[in-house]
Each structure stands twice: as structure tokens, then as C-alpha cells.
Amino acid sequence: MRLWGKLWKDNRMLRDTVAVEDSDDTRTHKIFHALDQICYEFDLGKPIWLDTAIAEFKRHSKARFYQDSFIEEIEFDYLEIQILEE
């Protein structure tokens, strides 16, 4: 599985990275592990999965995490994750 993580501010992509998760875990665990890799690379705390992010991810295999999903203050508008390949 490949998960694409992007940081956005003022409708511009600041940074992006792709996390690869090749374990034999479940799909959910692969997503969590890949998100952990993305947050580590961007030096971010792990975001909280709010109901809106969960629903969006189920529908489109893409989710956005805004300030309300993070405990600390963020320097960007949102973190977007998207599945590139399963």
C-alpha cells in the first residue's frame, strides 16, 4: 500500500511524501502505520480521526486533517492523505 501525504497552506502544496506499507497487516493497520510514517517525516503529532475524516476516507480513500484534528498548533491549513495504491 502507498499513502500520499501532503501539507497545504493557502491552496498551495508545501510538502509531500509517499509512505509505503508492505506488511501483512489489515488495511486499517496499514493506513495507521503509513500515517505514522508521514507524520514522523513531517515532524507532526498524530492527528485525531474525527467522524468527518473517517466518512470522507471511506467514500474517497482520501482524508483531510485540519487544526481541530491536532493537539498542537499547526503552521499549515491541513494535512491531506490519499491512497495511491493498495
PDB file of N, CA and C in Angstrom:
ATOM      1  N   MET A   1       0.851  -1.179   0.000  1.00  0.00           N
ATOM      2  CA  MET A   1       0.000   0.000   0.000  1.00  0.00           C
ATOM      3  C   MET A   1       0.891   1.235   0.000  1.00  0.00           C
ATOM      4  N   ARG A   2       0.478   2.229  -0.785  1.00  0.00           N
ATOM      5  CA  ARG A   2       1.193   3.509  -0.809  1.00  0.00           C
ATOM      6  C   ARG A   2       0.212   4.611  -0.430  1.00  0.00           C
ATOM      7  N   LEU A   3       0.600   5.414   0.545  1.00  0.00           N
ATOM      8  CA  LEU A   3      -0.238   6.509   1.040  1.00  0.00           C
ATOM      9  C   LEU A   3       0.506   7.819   0.799  1.00  0.00           C
ATOM     10  N   TRP A   4      -0.161   8.759   0.134  1.00  0.00           N
ATOM     11  CA  TRP A   4       0.429  10.049  -0.210  1.00  0.00           C
ATOM     12  C   TRP A   4      -0.005  11.069   0.829  1.00  0.00           C
ATOM     13  N   GLY A   5       0.945  11.718   1.461  1.00  0.00           N
ATOM     14  CA  GLY A   5       0.664  12.754   2.452  1.00  0.00           C
ATOM     15  C   GLY A   5       1.098  14.114   1.924  1.00  0.00           C
ATOM     16  N   LYS A   6       0.216  15.123   2.078  1.00  0.00           N
ATOM     17  CA  LYS A   6       0.505  16.463   1.560  1.00  0.00           C
ATOM     18  C   LYS A   6       0.133  17.507   2.609  1.00  0.00           C
ATOM     19  N   LEU A   7       0.983  18.507   2.753  1.00  0.00           N
ATOM     20  CA  LEU A   7       0.692  19.656   3.610  1.00  0.00           C
ATOM     21  C   LEU A   7       0.263  20.813   2.722  1.00  0.00           C
ATOM     22  N   TRP A   8      -0.874  21.442   3.043  1.00  0.00           N
ATOM     23  CA  TRP A   8      -1.428  22.530   2.239  1.00  0.00           C
ATOM     24  C   TRP A   8      -1.556  23.804   3.061  1.00  0.00           C
ATOM     25  N   LYS A   9      -1.256  24.929   2.417  1.00  0.00           N
ATOM     26  CA  LYS A   9      -1.477  26.245   3.018  1.00  0.00           C
ATOM     27  C   LYS A   9      -1.818  27.214   1.894  1.00  0.00           C
ATOM     28  N   ASP A  10      -2.918  27.955   2.054  1.00  0.00           N
ATOM     29  CA  ASP A  10      -3.369  28.932   1.059  1.00  0.00           C
ATOM     30  C   ASP A  10      -3.483  28.316  -0.343  1.00  0.00           C
ATOM     31  N   ASN A  11      -4.060  27.120  -0.412  1.00  0.00           N
ATOM     32  CA  ASN A  11      -4.278  26.391  -1.677  1.00  0.00           C
ATOM     33  C   ASN A  11      -2.995  26.062  -2.423  1.00  0.00           C
ATOM     34  N   ARG A  12      -1.894  25.967  -1.699  1.00  0.00           N
ATOM     35  CA  ARG A  12      -0.616  25.559  -2.286  1.00  0.00           C
ATOM     36  C   ARG A  12      -0.044  24.407  -1.473  1.00  0.00           C
ATOM     37  N   MET A  13       0.509  23.431  -2.194  1.00  0.00           N
ATOM     38  CA  MET A  13       1.122  22.303  -1.513  1.00  0.00           C
ATOM     39  C   MET A  13       2.507  22.714  -1.033  1.00  0.00           C
ATOM     40  N   LEU A  14       2.731  22.612   0.282  1.00  0.00           N
ATOM     41  CA  LEU A  14       4.021  22.966   0.862  1.00  0.00           C
ATOM     42  C   LEU A  14       5.019  21.821   0.753  1.00  0.00           C
ATOM     43  N   ARG A  15       4.567  20.632   1.135  1.00  0.00           N
ATOM     44  CA  ARG A  15       5.421  19.438   1.145  1.00  0.00           C
ATOM     45  C   ARG A  15       4.564  18.233   0.825  1.00  0.00           C
ATOM     46  N   ASP A  16       5.216  17.192   0.326  1.00  0.00           N
ATOM     47  CA  ASP A  16       4.514  15.926   0.144  1.00  0.00           C
ATOM     48  C   ASP A  16       5.496  14.786   0.306  1.00  0.00           C
ATOM     49  N   THR A  17       4.953  13.621   0.588  1.00  0.00           N
ATOM     50  CA  THR A  17       5.754  12.415   0.732  1.00  0.00           C
ATOM     51  C   THR A  17       4.846  11.216   0.482  1.00  0.00           C
ATOM     52  N   VAL A  18       5.455  10.109   0.156  1.00  0.00           N
ATOM     53  CA  VAL A  18       4.712   8.866  -0.041  1.00  0.00           C
ATOM     54  C   VAL A  18       5.249   7.838   0.944  1.00  0.00           C
ATOM     55  N   ALA A  19       4.337   7.253   1.708  1.00  0.00           N
ATOM     56  CA  ALA A  19       4.699   6.208   2.661  1.00  0.00           C
ATOM     57  C   ALA A  19       4.300   4.862   2.073  1.00  0.00           C
ATOM     58  N   VAL A  20       5.208   3.907   2.135  1.00  0.00           N
ATOM     59  CA  VAL A  20       4.950   2.566   1.615  1.00  0.00           C
ATOM     60  C   VAL A  20       4.821   1.616   2.799  1.00  0.00           C
ATOM     61  N   GLU A  21       3.749   0.850   2.802  1.00  0.00           N
ATOM     62  CA  GLU A  21       3.485  -0.112   3.879  1.00  0.00           C
ATOM     63  C   GLU A  21       3.246  -1.474   3.239  1.00  0.00           C
ATOM     64  N   ASP A  22       4.219  -2.386   3.386  1.00  0.00           N
ATOM     65  CA  ASP A  22       4.155  -3.697   2.740  1.00  0.00           C
ATOM     66  C   ASP A  22       3.921  -4.844   3.724  1.00  0.00           C
ATOM     67  N   SER A  23       3.466  -4.541   4.912  1.00  0.00           N
ATOM     68  CA  SER A  23       3.271  -5.596   5.912  1.00  0.00           C
ATOM     69  C   SER A  23       2.047  -6.444   5.552  1.00  0.00           C
ATOM     70  N   ASP A  24       1.870  -7.520   6.282  1.00  0.00           N
ATOM     71  CA  ASP A  24       0.715  -8.408   6.081  1.00  0.00           C
ATOM     72  C   ASP A  24      -0.431  -8.057   7.015  1.00  0.00           C
ATOM     73  N   ASP A  25      -0.404  -6.843   7.554  1.00  0.00           N
ATOM     74  CA  ASP A  25      -1.453  -6.369   8.468  1.00  0.00           C
ATOM     75  C   ASP A  25      -2.768  -6.135   7.731  1.00  0.00           C
ATOM     76  N   THR A  26      -3.781  -5.784   8.488  1.00  0.00           N
ATOM     77  CA  THR A  26      -5.067  -5.424   7.893  1.00  0.00           C
ATOM     78  C   THR A  26      -4.943  -4.076   7.195  1.00  0.00           C
ATOM     79  N   ARG A  27      -5.921  -3.750   6.357  1.00  0.00           N
ATOM     80  CA  ARG A  27      -5.910  -2.473   5.621  1.00  0.00           C
ATOM     81  C   ARG A  27      -5.879  -1.299   6.598  1.00  0.00           C
ATOM     82  N   THR A  28      -6.670  -1.368   7.652  1.00  0.00           N
ATOM     83  CA  THR A  28      -6.728  -0.286   8.648  1.00  0.00           C
ATOM     84  C   THR A  28      -5.373  -0.078   9.316  1.00  0.00           C
ATOM     85  N   HIS A  29      -4.731  -1.177   9.723  1.00  0.00           N
ATOM     86  CA  HIS A  29      -3.421  -1.060  10.361  1.00  0.00           C
ATOM     87  C   HIS A  29      -2.381  -0.511   9.396  1.00  0.00           C
ATOM     88  N   LYS A  30      -2.457  -0.909   8.135  1.00  0.00           N
ATOM     89  CA  LYS A  30      -1.519  -0.371   7.138  1.00  0.00           C
ATOM     90  C   LYS A  30      -1.682   1.141   7.007  1.00  0.00           C
ATOM     91  N   ILE A  31      -2.928   1.602   6.990  1.00  0.00           N
ATOM     92  CA  ILE A  31      -3.191   3.047   6.878  1.00  0.00           C
ATOM     93  C   ILE A  31      -2.626   3.778   8.091  1.00  0.00           C
ATOM     94  N   PHE A  32      -2.869   3.238   9.292  1.00  0.00           N
ATOM     95  CA  PHE A  32      -2.348   3.874  10.513  1.00  0.00           C
ATOM     96  C   PHE A  32      -0.828   3.905  10.518  1.00  0.00           C
ATOM     97  N   HIS A  33      -0.184   2.809  10.111  1.00  0.00           N
ATOM     98  CA  HIS A  33       1.285   2.767  10.077  1.00  0.00           C
ATOM     99  C   HIS A  33       1.835   3.764   9.053  1.00  0.00           C
ATOM    100  N   ALA A  34       1.204   3.820   7.880  1.00  0.00           N
ATOM    101  CA  ALA A  34       1.656   4.758   6.855  1.00  0.00           C
ATOM    102  C   ALA A  34       1.467   6.207   7.308  1.00  0.00           C
ATOM    103  N   LEU A  35       0.340   6.489   7.977  1.00  0.00           N
ATOM    104  CA  LEU A  35       0.106   7.837   8.505  1.00  0.00           C
ATOM    105  C   LEU A  35       1.153   8.181   9.568  1.00  0.00           C
ATOM    106  N   ASP A  36       1.529   7.220  10.392  1.00  0.00           N
ATOM    107  CA  ASP A  36       2.594   7.440  11.373  1.00  0.00           C
ATOM    108  C   ASP A  36       3.911   7.808  10.681  1.00  0.00           C
ATOM    109  N   GLN A  37       4.224   7.115   9.583  1.00  0.00           N
ATOM    110  CA  GLN A  37       5.448   7.416   8.824  1.00  0.00           C
ATOM    111  C   GLN A  37       5.411   8.842   8.272  1.00  0.00           C
ATOM    112  N   ILE A  38       4.252   9.233   7.729  1.00  0.00           N
ATOM    113  CA  ILE A  38       4.101  10.573   7.166  1.00  0.00           C
ATOM    114  C   ILE A  38       4.273  11.633   8.250  1.00  0.00           C
ATOM    115  N   CYS A  39       3.613  11.427   9.382  1.00  0.00           N
ATOM    116  CA  CYS A  39       3.712  12.394  10.478  1.00  0.00           C
ATOM    117  C   CYS A  39       5.142  12.478  11.011  1.00  0.00           C
ATOM    118  N   TYR A  40       5.843  11.348  11.071  1.00  0.00           N
ATOM    119  CA  TYR A  40       7.229  11.354  11.521  1.00  0.00           C
ATOM    120  C   TYR A  40       8.094  12.168  10.559  1.00  0.00           C
ATOM    121  N   GLU A  41       7.904  11.964   9.257  1.00  0.00           N
ATOM    122  CA  GLU A  41       8.704  12.693   8.267  1.00  0.00           C
ATOM    123  C   GLU A  41       8.423  14.198   8.304  1.00  0.00           C
ATOM    124  N   PHE A  42       7.153  14.575   8.547  1.00  0.00           N
ATOM    125  CA  PHE A  42       6.784  15.989   8.612  1.00  0.00           C
ATOM    126  C   PHE A  42       6.980  16.571  10.010  1.00  0.00           C
ATOM    127  N   ASP A  43       7.434  15.768  10.970  1.00  0.00           N
ATOM    128  CA  ASP A  43       7.619  16.182  12.363  1.00  0.00           C
ATOM    129  C   ASP A  43       6.317  16.718  12.957  1.00  0.00           C
ATOM    130  N   LEU A  44       5.255  15.928  12.807  1.00  0.00           N
ATOM    131  CA  LEU A  44       3.928  16.283  13.325  1.00  0.00           C
ATOM    132  C   LEU A  44       3.482  15.279  14.370  1.00  0.00           C
ATOM    133  N   GLY A  45       2.597  15.732  15.248  1.00  0.00           N
ATOM    134  CA  GLY A  45       1.911  14.804  16.130  1.00  0.00           C
ATOM    135  C   GLY A  45       0.862  14.059  15.321  1.00  0.00           C
ATOM    136  N   LYS A  46       0.446  12.907  15.812  1.00  0.00           N
ATOM    137  CA  LYS A  46      -0.573  12.133  15.102  1.00  0.00           C
ATOM    138  C   LYS A  46      -1.919  12.847  15.172  1.00  0.00           C
ATOM    139  N   PRO A  47      -2.610  12.955  14.035  1.00  0.00           N
ATOM    140  CA  PRO A  47      -3.931  13.598  14.060  1.00  0.00           C
ATOM    141  C   PRO A  47      -4.998  12.668  14.624  1.00  0.00           C
ATOM    142  N   ILE A  48      -6.048  13.265  15.112  1.00  0.00           N
ATOM    143  CA  ILE A  48      -7.200  12.522  15.630  1.00  0.00           C
ATOM    144  C   ILE A  48      -8.165  12.305  14.472  1.00  0.00           C
ATOM    145  N   TRP A  49      -8.646  11.079  14.324  1.00  0.00           N
ATOM    146  CA  TRP A  49      -9.598  10.764  13.262  1.00  0.00           C
ATOM    147  C   TRP A  49     -10.997  11.189  13.702  1.00  0.00           C
ATOM    148  N   LEU A  50     -11.431  12.354  13.270  1.00  0.00           N
ATOM    149  CA  LEU A  50     -12.785  12.811  13.572  1.00  0.00           C
ATOM    150  C   LEU A  50     -13.763  12.137  12.605  1.00  0.00           C
ATOM    151  N   ASP A  51     -15.052  12.166  12.944  1.00  0.00           N
ATOM    152  CA  ASP A  51     -16.070  11.493  12.133  1.00  0.00           C
ATOM    153  C   ASP A  51     -16.070  11.962  10.682  1.00  0.00           C
ATOM    154  N   THR A  52     -15.852  13.249  10.454  1.00  0.00           N
ATOM    155  CA  THR A  52     -15.854  13.765   9.082  1.00  0.00           C
ATOM    156  C   THR A  52     -14.690  13.180   8.273  1.00  0.00           C
ATOM    157  N   ALA A  53     -13.526  13.052   8.886  1.00  0.00           N
ATOM    158  CA  ALA A  53     -12.366  12.479   8.193  1.00  0.00           C
ATOM    159  C   ALA A  53     -12.593  10.998   7.895  1.00  0.00           C
ATOM    160  N   ILE A  54     -13.185  10.286   8.837  1.00  0.00           N
ATOM    161  CA  ILE A  54     -13.468   8.859   8.634  1.00  0.00           C
ATOM    162  C   ILE A  54     -14.446   8.667   7.481  1.00  0.00           C
ATOM    163  N   ALA A  55     -15.520   9.452   7.473  1.00  0.00           N
ATOM    164  CA  ALA A  55     -16.536   9.332   6.417  1.00  0.00           C
ATOM    165  C   ALA A  55     -15.935   9.676   5.049  1.00  0.00           C
ATOM    166  N   GLU A  56     -15.128  10.730   5.000  1.00  0.00           N
ATOM    167  CA  GLU A  56     -14.502  11.130   3.740  1.00  0.00           C
ATOM    168  C   GLU A  56     -13.547  10.047   3.246  1.00  0.00           C
ATOM    169  N   PHE A  57     -12.798   9.441   4.167  1.00  0.00           N
ATOM    170  CA  PHE A  57     -11.842   8.406   3.786  1.00  0.00           C
ATOM    171  C   PHE A  57     -12.559   7.164   3.272  1.00  0.00           C
ATOM    172  N   LYS A  58     -13.667   6.811   3.893  1.00  0.00           N
ATOM    173  CA  LYS A  58     -14.436   5.652   3.439  1.00  0.00           C
ATOM    174  C   LYS A  58     -14.989   5.863   2.035  1.00  0.00           C
ATOM    175  N   ARG A  59     -15.429   7.077   1.740  1.00  0.00           N
ATOM    176  CA  ARG A  59     -16.018   7.377   0.429  1.00  0.00           C
ATOM    177  C   ARG A  59     -14.986   7.544  -0.676  1.00  0.00           C
ATOM    178  N   HIS A  60     -13.887   8.241  -0.399  1.00  0.00           N
ATOM    179  CA  HIS A  60     -12.972   8.656  -1.458  1.00  0.00           C
ATOM    180  C   HIS A  60     -11.537   8.151  -1.301  1.00  0.00           C
ATOM    181  N   SER A  61     -11.244   7.377  -0.271  1.00  0.00           N
ATOM    182  CA  SER A  61      -9.871   6.947   0.032  1.00  0.00           C
ATOM    183  C   SER A  61      -8.938   8.146   0.175  1.00  0.00           C
ATOM    184  N   LYS A  62      -9.503   9.233   0.704  1.00  0.00           N
ATOM    185  CA  LYS A  62      -8.768  10.481   0.911  1.00  0.00           C
ATOM    186  C   LYS A  62      -9.352  11.154   2.149  1.00  0.00           C
ATOM    187  N   ALA A  63      -8.500  11.777   2.955  1.00  0.00           N
ATOM    188  CA  ALA A  63      -8.982  12.482   4.149  1.00  0.00           C
ATOM    189  C   ALA A  63      -8.126  13.720   4.390  1.00  0.00           C
ATOM    190  N   ARG A  64      -8.755  14.728   4.990  1.00  0.00           N
ATOM    191  CA  ARG A  64      -8.057  15.953   5.365  1.00  0.00           C
ATOM    192  C   ARG A  64      -8.138  16.131   6.875  1.00  0.00           C
ATOM    193  N   PHE A  65      -7.006  16.496   7.460  1.00  0.00           N
ATOM    194  CA  PHE A  65      -6.923  16.740   8.887  1.00  0.00           C
ATOM    195  C   PHE A  65      -6.627  18.221   9.100  1.00  0.00           C
ATOM    196  N   TYR A  66      -7.587  18.934   9.652  1.00  0.00           N
ATOM    197  CA  TYR A  66      -7.461  20.372   9.916  1.00  0.00           C
ATOM    198  C   TYR A  66      -6.960  20.590  11.336  1.00  0.00           C
ATOM    199  N   GLN A  67      -6.873  21.842  11.765  1.00  0.00           N
ATOM    200  CA  GLN A  67      -6.372  22.189  13.091  1.00  0.00           C
ATOM    201  C   GLN A  67      -7.103  21.431  14.201  1.00  0.00           C
ATOM    202  N   ASP A  68      -8.410  21.215  14.054  1.00  0.00           N
ATOM    203  CA  ASP A  68      -9.167  20.547  15.115  1.00  0.00           C
ATOM    204  C   ASP A  68      -8.793  19.075  15.285  1.00  0.00           C
ATOM    205  N   SER A  69      -8.033  18.511  14.348  1.00  0.00           N
ATOM    206  CA  SER A  69      -7.579  17.124  14.461  1.00  0.00           C
ATOM    207  C   SER A  69      -6.222  17.013  15.155  1.00  0.00           C
ATOM    208  N   PHE A  70      -5.558  18.140  15.395  1.00  0.00           N
ATOM    209  CA  PHE A  70      -4.236  18.139  16.016  1.00  0.00           C
ATOM    210  C   PHE A  70      -4.301  18.781  17.392  1.00  0.00           C
ATOM    211  N   ILE A  71      -3.507  18.280  18.309  1.00  0.00           N
ATOM    212  CA  ILE A  71      -3.439  18.846  19.652  1.00  0.00           C
ATOM    213  C   ILE A  71      -2.598  20.121  19.640  1.00  0.00           C
ATOM    214  N   GLU A  72      -1.450  20.061  18.943  1.00  0.00           N
ATOM    215  CA  GLU A  72      -0.575  21.227  18.888  1.00  0.00           C
ATOM    216  C   GLU A  72      -1.004  22.168  17.760  1.00  0.00           C
ATOM    217  N   GLU A  73      -0.489  23.376  17.799  1.00  0.00           N
ATOM    218  CA  GLU A  73      -0.765  24.368  16.748  1.00  0.00           C
ATOM    219  C   GLU A  73      -0.029  23.954  15.478  1.00  0.00           C
ATOM    220  N   ILE A  74      -0.689  24.073  14.323  1.00  0.00           N
ATOM    221  CA  ILE A  74      -0.060  23.702  13.057  1.00  0.00           C
ATOM    222  C   ILE A  74       0.221  24.957  12.229  1.00  0.00           C
ATOM    223  N   GLU A  75       1.247  24.881  11.393  1.00  0.00           N
ATOM    224  CA  GLU A  75       1.690  26.012  10.579  1.00  0.00           C
ATOM    225  C   GLU A  75       1.135  25.946   9.158  1.00  0.00           C
ATOM    226  N   PHE A  76       0.167  25.089   8.914  1.00  0.00           N
ATOM    227  CA  PHE A  76      -0.406  24.901   7.587  1.00  0.00           C
ATOM    228  C   PHE A  76      -1.920  24.809   7.741  1.00  0.00           C
ATOM    229  N   ASP A  77      -2.647  24.781   6.625  1.00  0.00           N
ATOM    230  CA  ASP A  77      -4.106  24.736   6.687  1.00  0.00           C
ATOM    231  C   ASP A  77      -4.623  23.326   6.990  1.00  0.00           C
ATOM    232  N   TYR A  78      -4.062  22.318   6.302  1.00  0.00           N
ATOM    233  CA  TYR A  78      -4.479  20.943   6.564  1.00  0.00           C
ATOM    234  C   TYR A  78      -3.466  19.946   6.016  1.00  0.00           C
ATOM    235  N   LEU A  79      -3.520  18.736   6.577  1.00  0.00           N
ATOM    236  CA  LEU A  79      -2.769  17.587   6.096  1.00  0.00           C
ATOM    237  C   LEU A  79      -3.754  16.719   5.334  1.00  0.00           C
ATOM    238  N   GLU A  80      -3.407  16.381   4.114  1.00  0.00           N
ATOM    239  CA  GLU A  80      -4.265  15.519   3.298  1.00  0.00           C
ATOM    240  C   GLU A  80      -3.552  14.208   3.054  1.00  0.00           C
ATOM    241  N   ILE A  81      -4.265  13.091   3.224  1.00  0.00           N
ATOM    242  CA  ILE A  81      -3.717  11.786   2.887  1.00  0.00           C
ATOM    243  C   ILE A  81      -4.604  11.161   1.821  1.00  0.00           C
ATOM    244  N   GLN A  82      -3.985  10.384   0.958  1.00  0.00           N
ATOM    245  CA  GLN A  82      -4.715   9.753  -0.133  1.00  0.00           C
ATOM    246  C   GLN A  82      -4.029   8.424  -0.470  1.00  0.00           C
ATOM    247  N   ILE A  83      -4.828   7.382  -0.670  1.00  0.00           N
ATOM    248  CA  ILE A  83      -4.281   6.089  -1.075  1.00  0.00           C
ATOM    249  C   ILE A  83      -3.941   6.153  -2.559  1.00  0.00           C
ATOM    250  N   LEU A  84      -2.698   5.836  -2.882  1.00  0.00           N
ATOM    251  CA  LEU A  84      -2.288   5.790  -4.278  1.00  0.00           C
ATOM    252  C   LEU A  84      -2.436   4.395  -4.853  1.00  0.00           C
ATOM    253  N   GLU A  85      -2.137   3.397  -4.023  1.00  0.00           N
ATOM    254  CA  GLU A  85      -2.118   2.020  -4.496  1.00  0.00           C
ATOM    255  C   GLU A  85      -2.317   1.085  -3.323  1.00  0.00           C
ATOM    256  N   GLU A  86      -3.153   0.086  -3.521  1.00  0.00           N
ATOM    257  CA  GLU A  86      -3.370  -0.890  -2.433  1.00  0.00           C
ATOM    258  C   GLU A  86      -2.732  -2.199  -2.771  1.00  0.00           C
TER     259      GLU A  86
END
